[in-house]
Amino acid sequence: MPFLNDPRRTVTINLYPDEYESLAEDALTAGYQTPGTYAKALILARGEAPEPILDQRSEERVGKLQGANEWLLEQFEHAQAVLRKAGVFFQLAPRPSSGQ
């Protein structure tokens, strides 16, 4: 007889809040009532292709990444300006090649 709380029957997935919301929306789109049952179904499929769900949030994700990139660029330019005023000059090292 299997244990009541068999650890092999549970899976813990840690997601960021926005990714959890995306999983919840995908679960509703696929016809599941909860994200947990949808995630379990995906895991139990074990490599079998589930029904395709079109990514409806790709533009939103790309926008977030572009916004974060712009913010980092602004921070970098600000740091360069502060260092120039302090009389510190530097040059970034070239990117290492990927070997392709």
PDB file of N, CA and C in Angstrom:
ATOM      1  N   MET A   1       0.840  -1.180   0.000  1.00  0.00           N
ATOM      2  CA  MET A   1       0.000   0.000   0.000  1.00  0.00           C
ATOM      3  C   MET A   1       0.883   1.240   0.000  1.00  0.00           C
ATOM      4  N   PRO A   2       0.666   2.158  -0.899  1.00  0.00           N
ATOM      5  CA  PRO A   2       1.504   3.361  -0.938  1.00  0.00           C
ATOM      6  C   PRO A   2       1.229   4.264   0.261  1.00  0.00           C
ATOM      7  N   PHE A   3       2.254   5.020   0.611  1.00  0.00           N
ATOM      8  CA  PHE A   3       2.107   5.972   1.703  1.00  0.00           C
ATOM      9  C   PHE A   3       1.109   7.052   1.327  1.00  0.00           C
ATOM     10  N   LEU A   4       0.435   7.594   2.326  1.00  0.00           N
ATOM     11  CA  LEU A   4      -0.543   8.648   2.081  1.00  0.00           C
ATOM     12  C   LEU A   4       0.138   9.900   1.537  1.00  0.00           C
ATOM     13  N   ASN A   5       1.266  10.236   2.116  1.00  0.00           N
ATOM     14  CA  ASN A   5       2.021  11.412   1.669  1.00  0.00           C
ATOM     15  C   ASN A   5       3.290  10.967   0.954  1.00  0.00           C
ATOM     16  N   ASP A   6       3.120  10.278  -0.126  1.00  0.00           N
ATOM     17  CA  ASP A   6       4.239   9.767  -0.901  1.00  0.00           C
ATOM     18  C   ASP A   6       4.957  10.930  -1.571  1.00  0.00           C
ATOM     19  N   PRO A   7       6.259  11.185  -1.265  1.00  0.00           N
ATOM     20  CA  PRO A   7       6.965  12.323  -1.869  1.00  0.00           C
ATOM     21  C   PRO A   7       7.110  12.210  -3.376  1.00  0.00           C
ATOM     22  N   ARG A   8       6.962  11.011  -3.913  1.00  0.00           N
ATOM     23  CA  ARG A   8       7.066  10.862  -5.365  1.00  0.00           C
ATOM     24  C   ARG A   8       5.839  11.375  -6.081  1.00  0.00           C
ATOM     25  N   ARG A   9       4.780  11.668  -5.344  1.00  0.00           N
ATOM     26  CA  ARG A   9       3.538  12.142  -5.959  1.00  0.00           C
ATOM     27  C   ARG A   9       3.447  13.652  -5.975  1.00  0.00           C
ATOM     28  N   THR A  10       4.397  14.331  -5.358  1.00  0.00           N
ATOM     29  CA  THR A  10       4.339  15.792  -5.294  1.00  0.00           C
ATOM     30  C   THR A  10       5.541  16.398  -5.989  1.00  0.00           C
ATOM     31  N   VAL A  11       5.326  17.522  -6.573  1.00  0.00           N
ATOM     32  CA  VAL A  11       6.382  18.272  -7.231  1.00  0.00           C
ATOM     33  C   VAL A  11       6.246  19.723  -6.805  1.00  0.00           C
ATOM     34  N   THR A  12       7.362  20.330  -6.423  1.00  0.00           N
ATOM     35  CA  THR A  12       7.361  21.738  -6.054  1.00  0.00           C
ATOM     36  C   THR A  12       8.077  22.512  -7.151  1.00  0.00           C
ATOM     37  N   ILE A  13       7.399  23.521  -7.674  1.00  0.00           N
ATOM     38  CA  ILE A  13       7.976  24.372  -8.710  1.00  0.00           C
ATOM     39  C   ILE A  13       7.955  25.795  -8.190  1.00  0.00           C
ATOM     40  N   ASN A  14       9.119  26.419  -8.139  1.00  0.00           N
ATOM     41  CA  ASN A  14       9.213  27.806  -7.693  1.00  0.00           C
ATOM     42  C   ASN A  14       9.232  28.710  -8.916  1.00  0.00           C
ATOM     43  N   LEU A  15       8.255  29.594  -8.985  1.00  0.00           N
ATOM     44  CA  LEU A  15       8.134  30.509 -10.112  1.00  0.00           C
ATOM     45  C   LEU A  15       8.084  31.935  -9.600  1.00  0.00           C
ATOM     46  N   TYR A  16       8.529  32.862 -10.432  1.00  0.00           N
ATOM     47  CA  TYR A  16       8.345  34.266 -10.128  1.00  0.00           C
ATOM     48  C   TYR A  16       6.863  34.587 -10.261  1.00  0.00           C
ATOM     49  N   PRO A  17       6.376  35.619  -9.562  1.00  0.00           N
ATOM     50  CA  PRO A  17       4.935  35.910  -9.598  1.00  0.00           C
ATOM     51  C   PRO A  17       4.374  36.095 -11.005  1.00  0.00           C
ATOM     52  N   ASP A  18       5.092  36.800 -11.879  1.00  0.00           N
ATOM     53  CA  ASP A  18       4.548  37.004 -13.230  1.00  0.00           C
ATOM     54  C   ASP A  18       4.555  35.712 -14.039  1.00  0.00           C
ATOM     55  N   GLU A  19       5.533  34.840 -13.797  1.00  0.00           N
ATOM     56  CA  GLU A  19       5.536  33.560 -14.482  1.00  0.00           C
ATOM     57  C   GLU A  19       4.409  32.664 -13.974  1.00  0.00           C
ATOM     58  N   TYR A  20       4.106  32.762 -12.681  1.00  0.00           N
ATOM     59  CA  TYR A  20       2.989  31.985 -12.134  1.00  0.00           C
ATOM     60  C   TYR A  20       1.679  32.448 -12.761  1.00  0.00           C
ATOM     61  N   GLU A  21       1.536  33.771 -12.924  1.00  0.00           N
ATOM     62  CA  GLU A  21       0.330  34.303 -13.565  1.00  0.00           C
ATOM     63  C   GLU A  21       0.228  33.791 -14.997  1.00  0.00           C
ATOM     64  N   SER A  22       1.352  33.729 -15.692  1.00  0.00           N
ATOM     65  CA  SER A  22       1.352  33.207 -17.063  1.00  0.00           C
ATOM     66  C   SER A  22       0.944  31.741 -17.075  1.00  0.00           C
ATOM     67  N   LEU A  23       1.463  30.971 -16.111  1.00  0.00           N
ATOM     68  CA  LEU A  23       1.091  29.559 -16.016  1.00  0.00           C
ATOM     69  C   LEU A  23      -0.396  29.422 -15.728  1.00  0.00           C
ATOM     70  N   ALA A  24      -0.932  30.278 -14.868  1.00  0.00           N
ATOM     71  CA  ALA A  24      -2.360  30.225 -14.540  1.00  0.00           C
ATOM     72  C   ALA A  24      -3.207  30.535 -15.771  1.00  0.00           C
ATOM     73  N   GLU A  25      -2.793  31.532 -16.556  1.00  0.00           N
ATOM     74  CA  GLU A  25      -3.533  31.870 -17.775  1.00  0.00           C
ATOM     75  C   GLU A  25      -3.460  30.723 -18.784  1.00  0.00           C
ATOM     76  N   ASP A  26      -2.281  30.114 -18.923  1.00  0.00           N
ATOM     77  CA  ASP A  26      -2.140  28.982 -19.839  1.00  0.00           C
ATOM     78  C   ASP A  26      -3.001  27.809 -19.386  1.00  0.00           C
ATOM     79  N   ALA A  27      -3.088  27.613 -18.072  1.00  0.00           N
ATOM     80  CA  ALA A  27      -3.916  26.523 -17.538  1.00  0.00           C
ATOM     81  C   ALA A  27      -5.381  26.752 -17.885  1.00  0.00           C
ATOM     82  N   LEU A  28      -5.850  27.977 -17.731  1.00  0.00           N
ATOM     83  CA  LEU A  28      -7.242  28.272 -18.083  1.00  0.00           C
ATOM     84  C   LEU A  28      -7.476  28.092 -19.580  1.00  0.00           C
ATOM     85  N   THR A  29      -6.509  28.521 -20.384  1.00  0.00           N
ATOM     86  CA  THR A  29      -6.626  28.370 -21.830  1.00  0.00           C
ATOM     87  C   THR A  29      -6.690  26.900 -22.227  1.00  0.00           C
ATOM     88  N   ALA A  30      -5.899  26.073 -21.526  1.00  0.00           N
ATOM     89  CA  ALA A  30      -5.869  24.642 -21.847  1.00  0.00           C
ATOM     90  C   ALA A  30      -7.042  23.884 -21.242  1.00  0.00           C
ATOM     91  N   GLY A  31      -7.859  24.556 -20.417  1.00  0.00           N
ATOM     92  CA  GLY A  31      -9.038  23.921 -19.858  1.00  0.00           C
ATOM     93  C   GLY A  31      -8.860  23.342 -18.467  1.00  0.00           C
ATOM     94  N   TYR A  32      -7.773  23.673 -17.797  1.00  0.00           N
ATOM     95  CA  TYR A  32      -7.550  23.199 -16.432  1.00  0.00           C
ATOM     96  C   TYR A  32      -8.074  24.243 -15.453  1.00  0.00           C
ATOM     97  N   GLN A  33      -8.574  23.776 -14.305  1.00  0.00           N
ATOM     98  CA  GLN A  33      -9.149  24.698 -13.334  1.00  0.00           C
ATOM     99  C   GLN A  33      -8.087  25.391 -12.493  1.00  0.00           C
ATOM    100  N   THR A  34      -6.960  24.728 -12.266  1.00  0.00           N
ATOM    101  CA  THR A  34      -5.906  25.328 -11.443  1.00  0.00           C
ATOM    102  C   THR A  34      -4.557  25.198 -12.135  1.00  0.00           C
ATOM    103  N   PRO A  35      -3.639  26.104 -11.849  1.00  0.00           N
ATOM    104  CA  PRO A  35      -2.303  25.991 -12.423  1.00  0.00           C
ATOM    105  C   PRO A  35      -1.581  24.731 -11.950  1.00  0.00           C
ATOM    106  N   GLY A  36      -1.875  24.295 -10.717  1.00  0.00           N
ATOM    107  CA  GLY A  36      -1.212  23.105 -10.192  1.00  0.00           C
ATOM    108  C   GLY A  36      -1.538  21.855 -10.979  1.00  0.00           C
ATOM    109  N   THR A  37      -2.809  21.685 -11.312  1.00  0.00           N
ATOM    110  CA  THR A  37      -3.188  20.495 -12.080  1.00  0.00           C
ATOM    111  C   THR A  37      -2.613  20.558 -13.496  1.00  0.00           C
ATOM    112  N   TYR A  38      -2.525  21.758 -14.039  1.00  0.00           N
ATOM    113  CA  TYR A  38      -1.933  21.924 -15.373  1.00  0.00           C
ATOM    114  C   TYR A  38      -0.442  21.602 -15.334  1.00  0.00           C
ATOM    115  N   ALA A  39       0.261  22.130 -14.328  1.00  0.00           N
ATOM    116  CA  ALA A  39       1.694  21.859 -14.205  1.00  0.00           C
ATOM    117  C   ALA A  39       1.931  20.357 -14.011  1.00  0.00           C
ATOM    118  N   LYS A  40       1.087  19.719 -13.210  1.00  0.00           N
ATOM    119  CA  LYS A  40       1.221  18.278 -12.993  1.00  0.00           C
ATOM    120  C   LYS A  40       1.005  17.514 -14.301  1.00  0.00           C
ATOM    121  N   ALA A  41       0.021  17.938 -15.085  1.00  0.00           N
ATOM    122  CA  ALA A  41      -0.229  17.278 -16.373  1.00  0.00           C
ATOM    123  C   ALA A  41       0.959  17.437 -17.312  1.00  0.00           C
ATOM    124  N   LEU A  42       1.586  18.617 -17.299  1.00  0.00           N
ATOM    125  CA  LEU A  42       2.758  18.824 -18.143  1.00  0.00           C
ATOM    126  C   LEU A  42       3.905  17.924 -17.709  1.00  0.00           C
ATOM    127  N   ILE A  43       4.085  17.795 -16.404  1.00  0.00           N
ATOM    128  CA  ILE A  43       5.171  16.961 -15.889  1.00  0.00           C
ATOM    129  C   ILE A  43       4.900  15.490 -16.188  1.00  0.00           C
ATOM    130  N   LEU A  44       3.653  15.063 -16.005  1.00  0.00           N
ATOM    131  CA  LEU A  44       3.320  13.657 -16.245  1.00  0.00           C
ATOM    132  C   LEU A  44       3.392  13.283 -17.720  1.00  0.00           C
ATOM    133  N   ALA A  45       3.326  14.276 -18.604  1.00  0.00           N
ATOM    134  CA  ALA A  45       3.436  13.990 -20.035  1.00  0.00           C
ATOM    135  C   ALA A  45       4.818  13.449 -20.377  1.00  0.00           C
ATOM    136  N   ARG A  46       5.819  13.790 -19.579  1.00  0.00           N
ATOM    137  CA  ARG A  46       7.193  13.269 -19.709  1.00  0.00           C
ATOM    138  C   ARG A  46       7.708  13.310 -21.134  1.00  0.00           C
ATOM    139  N   GLY A  47       7.711  14.483 -21.677  1.00  0.00           N
ATOM    140  CA  GLY A  47       8.294  14.649 -22.992  1.00  0.00           C
ATOM    141  C   GLY A  47       7.319  14.541 -24.139  1.00  0.00           C
ATOM    142  N   GLU A  48       6.134  14.021 -23.901  1.00  0.00           N
ATOM    143  CA  GLU A  48       5.160  13.971 -24.973  1.00  0.00           C
ATOM    144  C   GLU A  48       4.668  15.388 -25.240  1.00  0.00           C
ATOM    145  N   ALA A  49       4.426  15.679 -26.470  1.00  0.00           N
ATOM    146  CA  ALA A  49       4.021  17.032 -26.826  1.00  0.00           C
ATOM    147  C   ALA A  49       2.596  17.297 -26.363  1.00  0.00           C
ATOM    148  N   PRO A  50       2.418  18.241 -25.436  1.00  0.00           N
ATOM    149  CA  PRO A  50       1.056  18.608 -25.060  1.00  0.00           C
ATOM    150  C   PRO A  50       0.424  19.451 -26.169  1.00  0.00           C
ATOM    151  N   GLU A  51      -0.849  19.680 -26.043  1.00  0.00           N
ATOM    152  CA  GLU A  51      -1.520  20.535 -27.020  1.00  0.00           C
ATOM    153  C   GLU A  51      -0.818  21.893 -27.052  1.00  0.00           C
ATOM    154  N   PRO A  52      -0.524  22.390 -28.232  1.00  0.00           N
ATOM    155  CA  PRO A  52       0.189  23.666 -28.310  1.00  0.00           C
ATOM    156  C   PRO A  52      -0.680  24.823 -27.825  1.00  0.00           C
ATOM    157  N   ILE A  53      -0.067  25.675 -27.066  1.00  0.00           N
ATOM    158  CA  ILE A  53      -0.716  26.901 -26.615  1.00  0.00           C
ATOM    159  C   ILE A  53       0.120  28.043 -27.169  1.00  0.00           C
ATOM    160  N   LEU A  54      -0.480  28.863 -27.973  1.00  0.00           N
ATOM    161  CA  LEU A  54       0.254  29.969 -28.563  1.00  0.00           C
ATOM    162  C   LEU A  54       0.673  30.955 -27.481  1.00  0.00           C
ATOM    163  N   ASP A  55       1.891  31.446 -27.599  1.00  0.00           N
ATOM    164  CA  ASP A  55       2.395  32.423 -26.640  1.00  0.00           C
ATOM    165  C   ASP A  55       1.746  33.762 -26.938  1.00  0.00           C
ATOM    166  N   GLN A  56       0.887  34.186 -26.030  1.00  0.00           N
ATOM    167  CA  GLN A  56       0.166  35.432 -26.230  1.00  0.00           C
ATOM    168  C   GLN A  56       0.818  36.589 -25.500  1.00  0.00           C
ATOM    169  N   ARG A  57       1.911  36.317 -24.782  1.00  0.00           N
ATOM    170  CA  ARG A  57       2.549  37.363 -23.995  1.00  0.00           C
ATOM    171  C   ARG A  57       3.979  37.639 -24.439  1.00  0.00           C
ATOM    172  N   SER A  58       4.359  37.182 -25.619  1.00  0.00           N
ATOM    173  CA  SER A  58       5.740  37.377 -26.049  1.00  0.00           C
ATOM    174  C   SER A  58       6.075  38.852 -26.197  1.00  0.00           C
ATOM    175  N   GLU A  59       5.141  39.635 -26.723  1.00  0.00           N
ATOM    176  CA  GLU A  59       5.409  41.066 -26.879  1.00  0.00           C
ATOM    177  C   GLU A  59       5.587  41.738 -25.516  1.00  0.00           C
ATOM    178  N   GLU A  60       4.786  41.312 -24.541  1.00  0.00           N
ATOM    179  CA  GLU A  60       4.905  41.872 -23.195  1.00  0.00           C
ATOM    180  C   GLU A  60       6.266  41.531 -22.586  1.00  0.00           C
ATOM    181  N   ARG A  61       6.696  40.279 -22.751  1.00  0.00           N
ATOM    182  CA  ARG A  61       7.988  39.851 -22.207  1.00  0.00           C
ATOM    183  C   ARG A  61       9.134  40.588 -22.874  1.00  0.00           C
ATOM    184  N   VAL A  62       9.074  40.732 -24.188  1.00  0.00           N
ATOM    185  CA  VAL A  62      10.120  41.449 -24.908  1.00  0.00           C
ATOM    186  C   VAL A  62      10.144  42.913 -24.461  1.00  0.00           C
ATOM    187  N   GLY A  63       8.980  43.516 -24.266  1.00  0.00           N
ATOM    188  CA  GLY A  63       8.910  44.893 -23.790  1.00  0.00           C
ATOM    189  C   GLY A  63       9.544  45.055 -22.422  1.00  0.00           C
ATOM    190  N   LYS A  64       9.297  44.105 -21.527  1.00  0.00           N
ATOM    191  CA  LYS A  64       9.911  44.162 -20.196  1.00  0.00           C
ATOM    192  C   LYS A  64      11.425  44.077 -20.293  1.00  0.00           C
ATOM    193  N   LEU A  65      11.905  43.155 -21.146  1.00  0.00           N
ATOM    194  CA  LEU A  65      13.346  43.005 -21.299  1.00  0.00           C
ATOM    195  C   LEU A  65      13.976  44.255 -21.913  1.00  0.00           C
ATOM    196  N   GLN A  66      13.305  44.847 -22.898  1.00  0.00           N
ATOM    197  CA  GLN A  66      13.834  46.058 -23.509  1.00  0.00           C
ATOM    198  C   GLN A  66      13.850  47.206 -22.509  1.00  0.00           C
ATOM    199  N   GLY A  67      12.807  47.314 -21.682  1.00  0.00           N
ATOM    200  CA  GLY A  67      12.771  48.349 -20.659  1.00  0.00           C
ATOM    201  C   GLY A  67      13.886  48.169 -19.650  1.00  0.00           C
ATOM    202  N   ALA A  68      14.127  46.930 -19.242  1.00  0.00           N
ATOM    203  CA  ALA A  68      15.216  46.661 -18.301  1.00  0.00           C
ATOM    204  C   ALA A  68      16.558  46.982 -18.937  1.00  0.00           C
ATOM    205  N   ASN A  69      16.719  46.669 -20.224  1.00  0.00           N
ATOM    206  CA  ASN A  69      17.961  46.956 -20.929  1.00  0.00           C
ATOM    207  C   ASN A  69      18.193  48.457 -21.018  1.00  0.00           C
ATOM    208  N   GLU A  70      17.148  49.213 -21.325  1.00  0.00           N
ATOM    209  CA  GLU A  70      17.277  50.668 -21.401  1.00  0.00           C
ATOM    210  C   GLU A  70      17.642  51.257 -20.038  1.00  0.00           C
ATOM    211  N   TRP A  71      17.031  50.740 -18.970  1.00  0.00           N
ATOM    212  CA  TRP A  71      17.330  51.239 -17.633  1.00  0.00           C
ATOM    213  C   TRP A  71      18.795  50.968 -17.277  1.00  0.00           C
ATOM    214  N   LEU A  72      19.275  49.753 -17.589  1.00  0.00           N
ATOM    215  CA  LEU A  72      20.669  49.425 -17.308  1.00  0.00           C
ATOM    216  C   LEU A  72      21.621  50.303 -18.111  1.00  0.00           C
ATOM    217  N   LEU A  73      21.275  50.578 -19.349  1.00  0.00           N
ATOM    218  CA  LEU A  73      22.108  51.451 -20.177  1.00  0.00           C
ATOM    219  C   LEU A  73      22.166  52.858 -19.597  1.00  0.00           C
ATOM    220  N   GLU A  74      21.027  53.382 -19.125  1.00  0.00           N
ATOM    221  CA  GLU A  74      21.001  54.698 -18.490  1.00  0.00           C
ATOM    222  C   GLU A  74      21.861  54.714 -17.234  1.00  0.00           C
ATOM    223  N   GLN A  75      21.779  53.648 -16.427  1.00  0.00           N
ATOM    224  CA  GLN A  75      22.593  53.573 -15.220  1.00  0.00           C
ATOM    225  C   GLN A  75      24.083  53.530 -15.559  1.00  0.00           C
ATOM    226  N   PHE A  76      24.426  52.773 -16.601  1.00  0.00           N
ATOM    227  CA  PHE A  76      25.820  52.688 -17.030  1.00  0.00           C
ATOM    228  C   PHE A  76      26.330  54.034 -17.516  1.00  0.00           C
ATOM    229  N   GLU A  77      25.538  54.728 -18.318  1.00  0.00           N
ATOM    230  CA  GLU A  77      25.953  56.038 -18.825  1.00  0.00           C
ATOM    231  C   GLU A  77      26.100  57.046 -17.685  1.00  0.00           C
ATOM    232  N   HIS A  78      25.210  56.964 -16.696  1.00  0.00           N
ATOM    233  CA  HIS A  78      25.312  57.842 -15.532  1.00  0.00           C
ATOM    234  C   HIS A  78      26.598  57.549 -14.757  1.00  0.00           C
ATOM    235  N   ALA A  79      26.911  56.274 -14.573  1.00  0.00           N
ATOM    236  CA  ALA A  79      28.134  55.903 -13.859  1.00  0.00           C
ATOM    237  C   ALA A  79      29.367  56.367 -14.625  1.00  0.00           C
ATOM    238  N   GLN A  80      29.340  56.273 -15.945  1.00  0.00           N
ATOM    239  CA  GLN A  80      30.456  56.772 -16.755  1.00  0.00           C
ATOM    240  C   GLN A  80      30.640  58.265 -16.558  1.00  0.00           C
ATOM    241  N   ALA A  81      29.534  59.015 -16.566  1.00  0.00           N
ATOM    242  CA  ALA A  81      29.618  60.460 -16.399  1.00  0.00           C
ATOM    243  C   ALA A  81      30.191  60.817 -15.029  1.00  0.00           C
ATOM    244  N   VAL A  82      29.766  60.123 -13.997  1.00  0.00           N
ATOM    245  CA  VAL A  82      30.281  60.390 -12.649  1.00  0.00           C
ATOM    246  C   VAL A  82      31.775  60.097 -12.580  1.00  0.00           C
ATOM    247  N   LEU A  83      32.190  58.998 -13.189  1.00  0.00           N
ATOM    248  CA  LEU A  83      33.617  58.652 -13.180  1.00  0.00           C
ATOM    249  C   LEU A  83      34.440  59.648 -13.987  1.00  0.00           C
ATOM    250  N   ARG A  84      33.902  60.134 -15.116  1.00  0.00           N
ATOM    251  CA  ARG A  84      34.618  61.132 -15.903  1.00  0.00           C
ATOM    252  C   ARG A  84      34.810  62.420 -15.110  1.00  0.00           C
ATOM    253  N   LYS A  85      33.765  62.827 -14.373  1.00  0.00           N
ATOM    254  CA  LYS A  85      33.879  64.039 -13.542  1.00  0.00           C
ATOM    255  C   LYS A  85      34.910  63.848 -12.439  1.00  0.00           C
ATOM    256  N   ALA A  86      35.057  62.624 -11.953  1.00  0.00           N
ATOM    257  CA  ALA A  86      36.023  62.331 -10.910  1.00  0.00           C
ATOM    258  C   ALA A  86      37.431  62.145 -11.473  1.00  0.00           C
ATOM    259  N   GLY A  87      37.553  62.163 -12.787  1.00  0.00           N
ATOM    260  CA  GLY A  87      38.854  62.021 -13.419  1.00  0.00           C
ATOM    261  C   GLY A  87      39.285  60.577 -13.621  1.00  0.00           C
ATOM    262  N   VAL A  88      38.359  59.660 -13.527  1.00  0.00           N
ATOM    263  CA  VAL A  88      38.673  58.244 -13.732  1.00  0.00           C
ATOM    264  C   VAL A  88      38.214  57.865 -15.134  1.00  0.00           C
ATOM    265  N   PHE A  89      39.157  57.380 -15.934  1.00  0.00           N
ATOM    266  CA  PHE A  89      38.811  56.961 -17.286  1.00  0.00           C
ATOM    267  C   PHE A  89      39.039  55.453 -17.400  1.00  0.00           C
ATOM    268  N   PHE A  90      38.175  54.792 -18.082  1.00  0.00           N
ATOM    269  CA  PHE A  90      38.295  53.350 -18.229  1.00  0.00           C
ATOM    270  C   PHE A  90      37.786  52.949 -19.601  1.00  0.00           C
ATOM    271  N   GLN A  91      38.156  51.750 -19.980  1.00  0.00           N
ATOM    272  CA  GLN A  91      37.697  51.197 -21.241  1.00  0.00           C
ATOM    273  C   GLN A  91      37.268  49.767 -20.977  1.00  0.00           C
ATOM    274  N   LEU A  92      36.139  49.391 -21.523  1.00  0.00           N
ATOM    275  CA  LEU A  92      35.642  48.037 -21.340  1.00  0.00           C
ATOM    276  C   LEU A  92      36.468  47.059 -22.164  1.00  0.00           C
ATOM    277  N   ALA A  93      36.690  45.899 -21.617  1.00  0.00           N
ATOM    278  CA  ALA A  93      37.405  44.852 -22.341  1.00  0.00           C
ATOM    279  C   ALA A  93      36.510  44.327 -23.453  1.00  0.00           C
ATOM    280  N   PRO A  94      37.097  43.893 -24.550  1.00  0.00           N
ATOM    281  CA  PRO A  94      36.260  43.329 -25.627  1.00  0.00           C
ATOM    282  C   PRO A  94      35.613  42.030 -25.163  1.00  0.00           C
ATOM    283  N   ARG A  95      34.457  41.754 -25.736  1.00  0.00           N
ATOM    284  CA  ARG A  95      33.726  40.528 -25.408  1.00  0.00           C
ATOM    285  C   ARG A  95      34.510  39.312 -25.883  1.00  0.00           C
ATOM    286  N   PRO A  96      34.565  38.281 -25.077  1.00  0.00           N
ATOM    287  CA  PRO A  96      35.219  37.058 -25.562  1.00  0.00           C
ATOM    288  C   PRO A  96      34.388  36.420 -26.660  1.00  0.00           C
ATOM    289  N   SER A  97      35.063  35.807 -27.616  1.00  0.00           N
ATOM    290  CA  SER A  97      34.324  35.178 -28.710  1.00  0.00           C
ATOM    291  C   SER A  97      33.660  33.907 -28.210  1.00  0.00           C
ATOM    292  N   SER A  98      32.535  33.559 -28.820  1.00  0.00           N
ATOM    293  CA  SER A  98      31.803  32.372 -28.408  1.00  0.00           C
ATOM    294  C   SER A  98      32.391  31.102 -29.011  1.00  0.00           C
ATOM    295  N   GLY A  99      33.389  31.225 -29.848  1.00  0.00           N
ATOM    296  CA  GLY A  99      34.043  30.065 -30.423  1.00  0.00           C
ATOM    297  C   GLY A  99      33.293  29.457 -31.594  1.00  0.00           C
ATOM    298  N   GLN A 100      32.374  30.186 -32.189  1.00  0.00           N
ATOM    299  CA  GLN A 100      31.605  29.638 -33.299  1.00  0.00           C
ATOM    300  C   GLN A 100      32.237  30.019 -34.611  1.00  0.00           C
TER     301      GLN A 100
END
